Amino acid sequence: MERQVTLTFEVQPLRFEFKAKEPVRFPPGKAANTLRGALGLVLSQRVFEPKPDSHPSGLADSPRPFVFRARHLDGQTINPGQSFHFEINLFNPGLAQAFIEAFKTMGHKGLGANRTRIEFLQAIRSDPITLNLSPTSNTSKQIRVHFITPIELKHESRIVTRPEFPILFGRIRDRISTLRRLYGAGPLDFDYQASNNRSAAIRMTACDLRREETHRRSSRTGQTHSIGGLIGSADYEGDLAEFLPWLQAAKWTGVGRQCVWGKGETEVEFR
């Protein structure tokens, strides 16, 4: 009989609320990039400069222990006196207080390169969420995965144009397992090769994606980098019970390149 193991992953949601003292403008597609840049000025560099990951996960660098959720601010202007908020999903709960203190400091120093004046209102720390990654009892054979924010998946050193299921699942699984190993309860007891083999049986039955292009300019190097990717949805069919918990967990972690800016946010719809 195959040994049963419990697969879990912990997420600490944080919500930050501010009030604008002068107009705060978030460029389209760049709200999280603006917030991340401001945070980087006041938070320890160990969070922003991850070291190369020596584990055979295929990652050139260790992923950062958090992601922004701020897409509702894209293209918005917050007028003086108005409040605004954003969320961070933190994968190392021990860093929660450091993030809270950093955003309090940002409230004093201002937002962005222009030091736009804002007032820190409060930080809301929800209870940590434990995601169960074990196979689900859900018998759904058809799902639609919505790619809510731009996603870029790499396979064999290339950006893919179609998120075939083995590639999508593999990137989700590798990201979550790496985050857990680096910042959580340690390595997952999981047969990666066997899961690869089983994921190959899941078929993509529809794909409706478009490229959305956005760029950011690094204040440190002056270079311009793409933070765009694919937006839309893809349909999958097959025995999904093993994979659904991982796909649903990706809503919290993101998947693909540059997740820290909120890229790669997904949502599962049952068909």
C-alpha atoms as a PDB file:
ATOM      1  CA  MET A   1       0.000   0.000   0.000  1.00  0.00           C
ATOM      2  CA  GLU A   2       1.309   3.452  -0.915  1.00  0.00           C
ATOM      3  CA  ARG A   3       2.295   5.486   2.129  1.00  0.00           C
ATOM      4  CA  GLN A   4       0.010   8.472   2.764  1.00  0.00           C
ATOM      5  CA  VAL A   5       1.669  11.759   3.633  1.00  0.00           C
ATOM      6  CA  THR A   6       0.197  15.111   4.559  1.00  0.00           C
ATOM      7  CA  LEU A   7       1.293  17.922   2.270  1.00  0.00           C
ATOM      8  CA  THR A   8       0.750  21.420   3.613  1.00  0.00           C
ATOM      9  CA  PHE A   9       1.895  24.955   2.897  1.00  0.00           C
ATOM     10  CA  GLU A  10       1.434  28.003   5.120  1.00  0.00           C
ATOM     11  CA  VAL A  11       0.626  31.550   4.013  1.00  0.00           C
ATOM     12  CA  GLN A  12       0.447  34.669   6.205  1.00  0.00           C
ATOM     13  CA  PRO A  13      -1.900  37.262   4.627  1.00  0.00           C
ATOM     14  CA  LEU A  14      -1.214  40.908   5.480  1.00  0.00           C
ATOM     15  CA  ARG A  15      -3.325  43.939   4.527  1.00  0.00           C
ATOM     16  CA  PHE A  16      -1.946  47.476   4.632  1.00  0.00           C
ATOM     17  CA  GLU A  17      -4.090  50.614   4.606  1.00  0.00           C
ATOM     18  CA  PHE A  18      -2.910  54.162   3.860  1.00  0.00           C
ATOM     19  CA  LYS A  19      -4.384  57.601   3.215  1.00  0.00           C
ATOM     20  CA  ALA A  20      -3.109  59.898   0.484  1.00  0.00           C
ATOM     21  CA  LYS A  21      -1.886  63.355   1.562  1.00  0.00           C
ATOM     22  CA  GLU A  22      -1.286  64.339  -2.062  1.00  0.00           C
ATOM     23  CA  PRO A  23      -2.262  62.608  -5.331  1.00  0.00           C
ATOM     24  CA  VAL A  24      -0.922  59.069  -5.554  1.00  0.00           C
ATOM     25  CA  ARG A  25      -0.730  57.740  -9.117  1.00  0.00           C
ATOM     26  CA  PHE A  26      -0.298  54.061  -9.883  1.00  0.00           C
ATOM     27  CA  PRO A  27       0.634  53.498 -13.553  1.00  0.00           C
ATOM     28  CA  PRO A  28      -1.307  50.800 -15.430  1.00  0.00           C
ATOM     29  CA  GLY A  29       0.128  47.382 -14.647  1.00  0.00           C
ATOM     30  CA  LYS A  30       2.717  48.804 -12.244  1.00  0.00           C
ATOM     31  CA  ALA A  31       1.021  49.281  -8.870  1.00  0.00           C
ATOM     32  CA  ALA A  32       2.839  46.352  -7.251  1.00  0.00           C
ATOM     33  CA  ASN A  33       6.138  47.432  -8.839  1.00  0.00           C
ATOM     34  CA  THR A  34       5.704  50.921  -7.350  1.00  0.00           C
ATOM     35  CA  LEU A  35       4.975  49.498  -3.904  1.00  0.00           C
ATOM     36  CA  ARG A  36       7.787  46.970  -4.088  1.00  0.00           C
ATOM     37  CA  GLY A  37      10.285  49.684  -5.028  1.00  0.00           C
ATOM     38  CA  ALA A  38       9.228  51.811  -2.077  1.00  0.00           C
ATOM     39  CA  LEU A  39       9.380  48.838   0.250  1.00  0.00           C
ATOM     40  CA  GLY A  40      12.868  47.959  -0.953  1.00  0.00           C
ATOM     41  CA  LEU A  41      14.155  51.289   0.304  1.00  0.00           C
ATOM     42  CA  VAL A  42      13.151  50.576   3.890  1.00  0.00           C
ATOM     43  CA  LEU A  43      13.268  46.781   4.269  1.00  0.00           C
ATOM     44  CA  SER A  44      16.344  44.645   4.857  1.00  0.00           C
ATOM     45  CA  GLN A  45      18.169  43.763   1.643  1.00  0.00           C
ATOM     46  CA  ARG A  46      18.182  40.080   2.615  1.00  0.00           C
ATOM     47  CA  VAL A  47      14.533  39.978   1.575  1.00  0.00           C
ATOM     48  CA  PHE A  48      15.180  41.673  -1.780  1.00  0.00           C
ATOM     49  CA  GLU A  49      18.488  40.123  -2.821  1.00  0.00           C
ATOM     50  CA  PRO A  50      17.961  36.342  -2.677  1.00  0.00           C
ATOM     51  CA  LYS A  51      21.012  34.163  -3.119  1.00  0.00           C
ATOM     52  CA  PRO A  52      21.321  31.565  -5.876  1.00  0.00           C
ATOM     53  CA  ASP A  53      19.428  28.401  -4.980  1.00  0.00           C
ATOM     54  CA  SER A  54      21.740  25.391  -4.925  1.00  0.00           C
ATOM     55  CA  HIS A  55      18.796  22.980  -4.809  1.00  0.00           C
ATOM     56  CA  PRO A  56      18.058  21.268  -8.178  1.00  0.00           C
ATOM     57  CA  SER A  57      14.765  23.141  -8.614  1.00  0.00           C
ATOM     58  CA  GLY A  58      15.666  24.828 -11.881  1.00  0.00           C
ATOM     59  CA  LEU A  59      15.608  28.284 -10.273  1.00  0.00           C
ATOM     60  CA  ALA A  60      18.497  30.669 -10.879  1.00  0.00           C
ATOM     61  CA  ASP A  61      17.698  32.533  -7.646  1.00  0.00           C
ATOM     62  CA  SER A  62      15.778  31.744  -4.512  1.00  0.00           C
ATOM     63  CA  PRO A  63      12.249  33.173  -4.693  1.00  0.00           C
ATOM     64  CA  ARG A  64      11.438  36.038  -2.358  1.00  0.00           C
ATOM     65  CA  PRO A  65       9.274  35.120   0.632  1.00  0.00           C
ATOM     66  CA  PHE A  66       6.296  37.285  -0.347  1.00  0.00           C
ATOM     67  CA  VAL A  67       4.081  38.472  -3.211  1.00  0.00           C
ATOM     68  CA  PHE A  68       2.054  41.660  -3.649  1.00  0.00           C
ATOM     69  CA  ARG A  69      -1.662  41.682  -4.393  1.00  0.00           C
ATOM     70  CA  ALA A  70      -2.357  45.195  -5.694  1.00  0.00           C
ATOM     71  CA  ARG A  71      -3.841  44.830  -9.197  1.00  0.00           C
ATOM     72  CA  HIS A  72      -6.955  46.772  -8.128  1.00  0.00           C
ATOM     73  CA  LEU A  73      -4.701  49.861  -7.918  1.00  0.00           C
ATOM     74  CA  ASP A  74      -3.371  49.611 -11.482  1.00  0.00           C
ATOM     75  CA  GLY A  75      -4.087  52.816 -13.389  1.00  0.00           C
ATOM     76  CA  GLN A  76      -5.699  54.458 -10.365  1.00  0.00           C
ATOM     77  CA  THR A  77      -5.146  57.918  -8.918  1.00  0.00           C
ATOM     78  CA  ILE A  78      -5.807  58.265  -5.198  1.00  0.00           C
ATOM     79  CA  ASN A  79      -6.732  61.835  -4.332  1.00  0.00           C
ATOM     80  CA  PRO A  80      -5.732  63.607  -1.090  1.00  0.00           C
ATOM     81  CA  GLY A  81      -7.864  62.392   1.790  1.00  0.00           C
ATOM     82  CA  GLN A  82      -8.774  59.119   0.089  1.00  0.00           C
ATOM     83  CA  SER A  83      -7.624  55.807   1.509  1.00  0.00           C
ATOM     84  CA  PHE A  84      -6.183  52.858  -0.371  1.00  0.00           C
ATOM     85  CA  HIS A  85      -5.014  49.394   0.509  1.00  0.00           C
ATOM     86  CA  PHE A  86      -3.087  46.418  -0.824  1.00  0.00           C
ATOM     87  CA  GLU A  87      -2.226  42.933   0.383  1.00  0.00           C
ATOM     88  CA  ILE A  88       0.919  40.902   0.781  1.00  0.00           C
ATOM     89  CA  ASN A  89       0.998  37.124   0.976  1.00  0.00           C
ATOM     90  CA  LEU A  90       3.952  36.237   3.179  1.00  0.00           C
ATOM     91  CA  PHE A  91       5.541  32.787   3.130  1.00  0.00           C
ATOM     92  CA  ASN A  92       7.751  33.326   6.170  1.00  0.00           C
ATOM     93  CA  PRO A  93       5.367  34.319   9.001  1.00  0.00           C
ATOM     94  CA  GLY A  94       8.356  35.277  11.134  1.00  0.00           C
ATOM     95  CA  LEU A  95       8.901  38.319   8.904  1.00  0.00           C
ATOM     96  CA  ALA A  96       5.414  39.762   9.462  1.00  0.00           C
ATOM     97  CA  GLN A  97       6.455  42.346  12.034  1.00  0.00           C
ATOM     98  CA  ALA A  98       9.403  43.445   9.893  1.00  0.00           C
ATOM     99  CA  PHE A  99       7.024  44.146   7.002  1.00  0.00           C
ATOM    100  CA  ILE A 100       4.645  46.058   9.258  1.00  0.00           C
ATOM    101  CA  GLU A 101       7.461  48.247  10.572  1.00  0.00           C
ATOM    102  CA  ALA A 102       8.776  48.793   7.036  1.00  0.00           C
ATOM    103  CA  PHE A 103       5.426  50.034   5.778  1.00  0.00           C
ATOM    104  CA  LYS A 104       5.072  52.305   8.781  1.00  0.00           C
ATOM    105  CA  THR A 105       8.431  53.785   7.796  1.00  0.00           C
ATOM    106  CA  MET A 106       7.238  54.124   4.197  1.00  0.00           C
ATOM    107  CA  GLY A 107       4.302  56.105   5.523  1.00  0.00           C
ATOM    108  CA  HIS A 108       6.771  58.616   6.996  1.00  0.00           C
ATOM    109  CA  LYS A 109       9.220  58.732   4.069  1.00  0.00           C
ATOM    110  CA  GLY A 110       6.704  58.790   1.233  1.00  0.00           C
ATOM    111  CA  LEU A 111       5.929  56.584  -1.740  1.00  0.00           C
ATOM    112  CA  GLY A 112       8.032  56.186  -4.840  1.00  0.00           C
ATOM    113  CA  ALA A 113      10.892  58.225  -6.260  1.00  0.00           C
ATOM    114  CA  ASN A 114       8.955  61.461  -5.725  1.00  0.00           C
ATOM    115  CA  ARG A 115       8.330  60.669  -2.063  1.00  0.00           C
ATOM    116  CA  THR A 116       4.596  61.189  -2.488  1.00  0.00           C
ATOM    117  CA  ARG A 117       3.199  61.921   0.952  1.00  0.00           C
ATOM    118  CA  ILE A 118       0.979  59.221   2.421  1.00  0.00           C
ATOM    119  CA  GLU A 119      -0.221  58.350   5.912  1.00  0.00           C
ATOM    120  CA  PHE A 120       0.004  54.838   7.346  1.00  0.00           C
ATOM    121  CA  LEU A 121      -3.369  53.871   8.803  1.00  0.00           C
ATOM    122  CA  GLN A 122      -3.123  50.262   9.888  1.00  0.00           C
ATOM    123  CA  ALA A 123      -1.835  46.788   9.188  1.00  0.00           C
ATOM    124  CA  ILE A 124      -4.222  43.867   9.460  1.00  0.00           C
ATOM    125  CA  ARG A 125      -2.584  40.535  10.172  1.00  0.00           C
ATOM    126  CA  SER A 126      -4.976  37.665   9.519  1.00  0.00           C
ATOM    127  CA  ASP A 127      -4.429  34.218  10.988  1.00  0.00           C
ATOM    128  CA  PRO A 128      -2.017  32.124   8.926  1.00  0.00           C
ATOM    129  CA  ILE A 129      -3.695  29.926   6.333  1.00  0.00           C
ATOM    130  CA  THR A 130      -2.638  26.293   6.034  1.00  0.00           C
ATOM    131  CA  LEU A 131      -3.178  24.953   2.537  1.00  0.00           C
ATOM    132  CA  ASN A 132      -3.612  21.183   2.231  1.00  0.00           C
ATOM    133  CA  LEU A 133      -1.892  19.935  -0.920  1.00  0.00           C
ATOM    134  CA  SER A 134      -3.009  16.315  -0.584  1.00  0.00           C
ATOM    135  CA  PRO A 135      -5.289  14.911  -3.305  1.00  0.00           C
ATOM    136  CA  THR A 136      -8.828  16.227  -3.052  1.00  0.00           C
ATOM    137  CA  SER A 137     -12.090  14.288  -3.017  1.00  0.00           C
ATOM    138  CA  ASN A 138     -13.396  16.630  -5.727  1.00  0.00           C
ATOM    139  CA  THR A 139     -14.247  14.511  -8.757  1.00  0.00           C
ATOM    140  CA  SER A 140     -14.331  17.341 -11.302  1.00  0.00           C
ATOM    141  CA  LYS A 141     -12.805  16.275 -14.599  1.00  0.00           C
ATOM    142  CA  GLN A 142     -12.876  19.683 -16.291  1.00  0.00           C
ATOM    143  CA  ILE A 143     -11.540  23.017 -15.070  1.00  0.00           C
ATOM    144  CA  ARG A 144     -10.747  26.438 -16.440  1.00  0.00           C
ATOM    145  CA  VAL A 145      -7.673  28.218 -15.086  1.00  0.00           C
ATOM    146  CA  HIS A 146      -7.909  31.990 -15.277  1.00  0.00           C
ATOM    147  CA  PHE A 147      -4.599  33.835 -15.617  1.00  0.00           C
ATOM    148  CA  ILE A 148      -5.649  37.035 -13.866  1.00  0.00           C
ATOM    149  CA  THR A 149      -2.320  38.856 -13.980  1.00  0.00           C
ATOM    150  CA  PRO A 150       0.397  38.420 -16.642  1.00  0.00           C
ATOM    151  CA  ILE A 151       2.073  35.030 -16.478  1.00  0.00           C
ATOM    152  CA  GLU A 152       5.369  33.881 -17.979  1.00  0.00           C
ATOM    153  CA  LEU A 153       6.267  30.206 -17.730  1.00  0.00           C
ATOM    154  CA  LYS A 154       9.647  28.852 -18.760  1.00  0.00           C
ATOM    155  CA  HIS A 155      10.245  25.373 -20.109  1.00  0.00           C
ATOM    156  CA  GLU A 156      13.611  24.166 -21.329  1.00  0.00           C
ATOM    157  CA  SER A 157      14.972  27.718 -20.945  1.00  0.00           C
ATOM    158  CA  ARG A 158      12.277  29.270 -23.149  1.00  0.00           C
ATOM    159  CA  ILE A 159       9.122  31.283 -22.409  1.00  0.00           C
ATOM    160  CA  VAL A 160       6.141  29.192 -23.467  1.00  0.00           C
ATOM    161  CA  THR A 161       3.166  30.558 -25.422  1.00  0.00           C
ATOM    162  CA  ARG A 162       0.745  27.838 -24.301  1.00  0.00           C
ATOM    163  CA  PRO A 163       0.541  26.691 -20.664  1.00  0.00           C
ATOM    164  CA  GLU A 164       0.313  22.954 -21.296  1.00  0.00           C
ATOM    165  CA  PHE A 165      -0.732  21.238 -18.096  1.00  0.00           C
ATOM    166  CA  PRO A 166       2.532  19.433 -17.221  1.00  0.00           C
ATOM    167  CA  ILE A 167       4.394  22.740 -17.541  1.00  0.00           C
ATOM    168  CA  LEU A 168       1.853  24.722 -15.510  1.00  0.00           C
ATOM    169  CA  PHE A 169       1.607  22.125 -12.755  1.00  0.00           C
ATOM    170  CA  GLY A 170       5.357  21.573 -12.672  1.00  0.00           C
ATOM    171  CA  ARG A 171       6.086  25.270 -12.186  1.00  0.00           C
ATOM    172  CA  ILE A 172       3.422  25.564  -9.460  1.00  0.00           C
ATOM    173  CA  ARG A 173       4.700  22.482  -7.647  1.00  0.00           C
ATOM    174  CA  ASP A 174       8.331  23.564  -7.850  1.00  0.00           C
ATOM    175  CA  ARG A 175       7.563  27.077  -6.626  1.00  0.00           C
ATOM    176  CA  ILE A 176       5.513  25.946  -3.648  1.00  0.00           C
ATOM    177  CA  SER A 177       7.960  23.231  -2.664  1.00  0.00           C
ATOM    178  CA  THR A 178      10.898  25.662  -2.887  1.00  0.00           C
ATOM    179  CA  LEU A 179       9.104  28.306  -0.812  1.00  0.00           C
ATOM    180  CA  ARG A 180       8.270  25.707   1.834  1.00  0.00           C
ATOM    181  CA  ARG A 181      11.819  24.380   1.912  1.00  0.00           C
ATOM    182  CA  LEU A 182      13.383  27.829   2.222  1.00  0.00           C
ATOM    183  CA  TYR A 183      10.888  29.637   4.464  1.00  0.00           C
ATOM    184  CA  GLY A 184       8.403  27.150   5.882  1.00  0.00           C
ATOM    185  CA  ALA A 185       8.311  23.697   7.435  1.00  0.00           C
ATOM    186  CA  GLY A 186      11.027  22.209   5.249  1.00  0.00           C
ATOM    187  CA  PRO A 187      11.155  19.976   2.159  1.00  0.00           C
ATOM    188  CA  LEU A 188       8.009  18.211   1.010  1.00  0.00           C
ATOM    189  CA  ASP A 189       7.981  14.417   1.105  1.00  0.00           C
ATOM    190  CA  PHE A 190       6.810  14.061  -2.464  1.00  0.00           C
ATOM    191  CA  ASP A 191       7.559  11.949  -5.558  1.00  0.00           C
ATOM    192  CA  TYR A 192       8.264  14.631  -8.146  1.00  0.00           C
ATOM    193  CA  GLN A 193       8.960  12.329 -11.073  1.00  0.00           C
ATOM    194  CA  ALA A 194       5.787  10.317 -10.527  1.00  0.00           C
ATOM    195  CA  SER A 195       3.719  13.505 -10.419  1.00  0.00           C
ATOM    196  CA  ASN A 196       5.359  14.635 -13.658  1.00  0.00           C
ATOM    197  CA  ASN A 197       4.351  11.385 -15.319  1.00  0.00           C
ATOM    198  CA  ARG A 198       0.745  11.601 -14.124  1.00  0.00           C
ATOM    199  CA  SER A 199       0.366  15.256 -15.092  1.00  0.00           C
ATOM    200  CA  ALA A 200       1.151  14.347 -18.699  1.00  0.00           C
ATOM    201  CA  ALA A 201      -2.272  12.650 -18.886  1.00  0.00           C
ATOM    202  CA  ILE A 202      -4.126  15.954 -18.355  1.00  0.00           C
ATOM    203  CA  ARG A 203      -5.172  17.510 -21.677  1.00  0.00           C
ATOM    204  CA  MET A 204      -5.540  21.170 -22.563  1.00  0.00           C
ATOM    205  CA  THR A 205      -8.884  21.447 -24.381  1.00  0.00           C
ATOM    206  CA  ALA A 206      -8.991  25.213 -24.963  1.00  0.00           C
ATOM    207  CA  CYS A 207      -6.615  28.156 -24.733  1.00  0.00           C
ATOM    208  CA  ASP A 208      -7.638  31.809 -24.939  1.00  0.00           C
ATOM    209  CA  LEU A 209      -4.640  33.963 -24.082  1.00  0.00           C
ATOM    210  CA  ARG A 210      -3.287  37.312 -25.193  1.00  0.00           C
ATOM    211  CA  ARG A 211      -0.008  39.050 -24.520  1.00  0.00           C
ATOM    212  CA  GLU A 212      -0.133  42.098 -22.233  1.00  0.00           C
ATOM    213  CA  GLU A 213       3.081  44.108 -22.283  1.00  0.00           C
ATOM    214  CA  THR A 214       4.303  46.333 -19.461  1.00  0.00           C
ATOM    215  CA  HIS A 215       7.817  47.521 -18.625  1.00  0.00           C
ATOM    216  CA  ARG A 216       9.579  48.757 -15.550  1.00  0.00           C
ATOM    217  CA  ARG A 217      12.770  50.748 -15.191  1.00  0.00           C
ATOM    218  CA  SER A 218      15.250  49.728 -12.517  1.00  0.00           C
ATOM    219  CA  SER A 219      16.265  52.693 -10.373  1.00  0.00           C
ATOM    220  CA  ARG A 220      19.428  50.820  -9.428  1.00  0.00           C
ATOM    221  CA  THR A 221      20.723  49.894 -12.893  1.00  0.00           C
ATOM    222  CA  GLY A 222      18.711  52.201 -15.148  1.00  0.00           C
ATOM    223  CA  GLN A 223      17.771  49.242 -17.321  1.00  0.00           C
ATOM    224  CA  THR A 224      14.246  48.590 -18.619  1.00  0.00           C
ATOM    225  CA  HIS A 225      12.703  45.165 -18.037  1.00  0.00           C
ATOM    226  CA  SER A 226       9.493  43.562 -19.248  1.00  0.00           C
ATOM    227  CA  ILE A 227       6.939  42.692 -16.561  1.00  0.00           C
ATOM    228  CA  GLY A 228       4.330  41.603 -19.074  1.00  0.00           C
ATOM    229  CA  GLY A 229       2.971  38.192 -19.893  1.00  0.00           C
ATOM    230  CA  LEU A 230      -0.074  36.193 -20.926  1.00  0.00           C
ATOM    231  CA  ILE A 231      -3.601  37.059 -19.751  1.00  0.00           C
ATOM    232  CA  GLY A 232      -6.714  34.946 -20.289  1.00  0.00           C
ATOM    233  CA  SER A 233      -7.713  31.370 -19.568  1.00  0.00           C
ATOM    234  CA  ALA A 234      -7.066  27.746 -20.453  1.00  0.00           C
ATOM    235  CA  ASP A 235      -9.272  24.654 -20.058  1.00  0.00           C
ATOM    236  CA  TYR A 236      -7.973  21.287 -18.849  1.00  0.00           C
ATOM    237  CA  GLU A 237      -9.540  17.838 -18.685  1.00  0.00           C
ATOM    238  CA  GLY A 238      -8.614  14.600 -16.937  1.00  0.00           C
ATOM    239  CA  ASP A 239      -8.200  13.029 -13.515  1.00  0.00           C
ATOM    240  CA  LEU A 240      -7.465  16.239 -11.610  1.00  0.00           C
ATOM    241  CA  ALA A 241      -7.913  15.171  -7.975  1.00  0.00           C
ATOM    242  CA  GLU A 242      -4.169  15.077  -7.300  1.00  0.00           C
ATOM    243  CA  PHE A 243      -3.505  18.438  -8.930  1.00  0.00           C
ATOM    244  CA  LEU A 244      -6.415  20.657  -7.843  1.00  0.00           C
ATOM    245  CA  PRO A 245      -4.978  21.569  -4.406  1.00  0.00           C
ATOM    246  CA  TRP A 246      -1.757  22.785  -6.034  1.00  0.00           C
ATOM    247  CA  LEU A 247      -3.636  24.794  -8.662  1.00  0.00           C
ATOM    248  CA  GLN A 248      -5.785  26.409  -5.971  1.00  0.00           C
ATOM    249  CA  ALA A 249      -2.718  27.171  -3.841  1.00  0.00           C
ATOM    250  CA  ALA A 250      -1.222  29.110  -6.759  1.00  0.00           C
ATOM    251  CA  LYS A 251      -3.837  31.795  -6.117  1.00  0.00           C
ATOM    252  CA  TRP A 252      -1.782  32.647  -3.015  1.00  0.00           C
ATOM    253  CA  THR A 253       1.748  32.115  -4.329  1.00  0.00           C
ATOM    254  CA  GLY A 254       1.541  33.015  -7.995  1.00  0.00           C
ATOM    255  CA  VAL A 255       3.411  31.005 -10.604  1.00  0.00           C
ATOM    256  CA  GLY A 256       6.042  31.795 -13.191  1.00  0.00           C
ATOM    257  CA  ARG A 257       8.519  34.644 -13.457  1.00  0.00           C
ATOM    258  CA  GLN A 258       8.426  37.826 -11.331  1.00  0.00           C
ATOM    259  CA  CYS A 259       5.701  36.691  -8.947  1.00  0.00           C
ATOM    260  CA  VAL A 260       6.837  39.220  -6.364  1.00  0.00           C
ATOM    261  CA  TRP A 261       5.165  41.987  -8.453  1.00  0.00           C
ATOM    262  CA  GLY A 262       1.876  40.115  -8.418  1.00  0.00           C
ATOM    263  CA  LYS A 263       2.428  38.380 -11.753  1.00  0.00           C
ATOM    264  CA  GLY A 264       1.153  34.851 -12.272  1.00  0.00           C
ATOM    265  CA  GLU A 265      -1.976  35.116 -10.121  1.00  0.00           C
ATOM    266  CA  THR A 266      -4.413  32.372 -11.098  1.00  0.00           C
ATOM    267  CA  GLU A 267      -7.890  31.198 -10.208  1.00  0.00           C
ATOM    268  CA  VAL A 268      -9.574  27.842 -10.799  1.00  0.00           C
ATOM    269  CA  GLU A 269     -13.122  27.551 -12.131  1.00  0.00           C
ATOM    270  CA  PHE A 270     -14.903  24.184 -12.134  1.00  0.00           C
ATOM    271  CA  ARG A 271     -16.647  23.317 -15.397  1.00  0.00           C
END
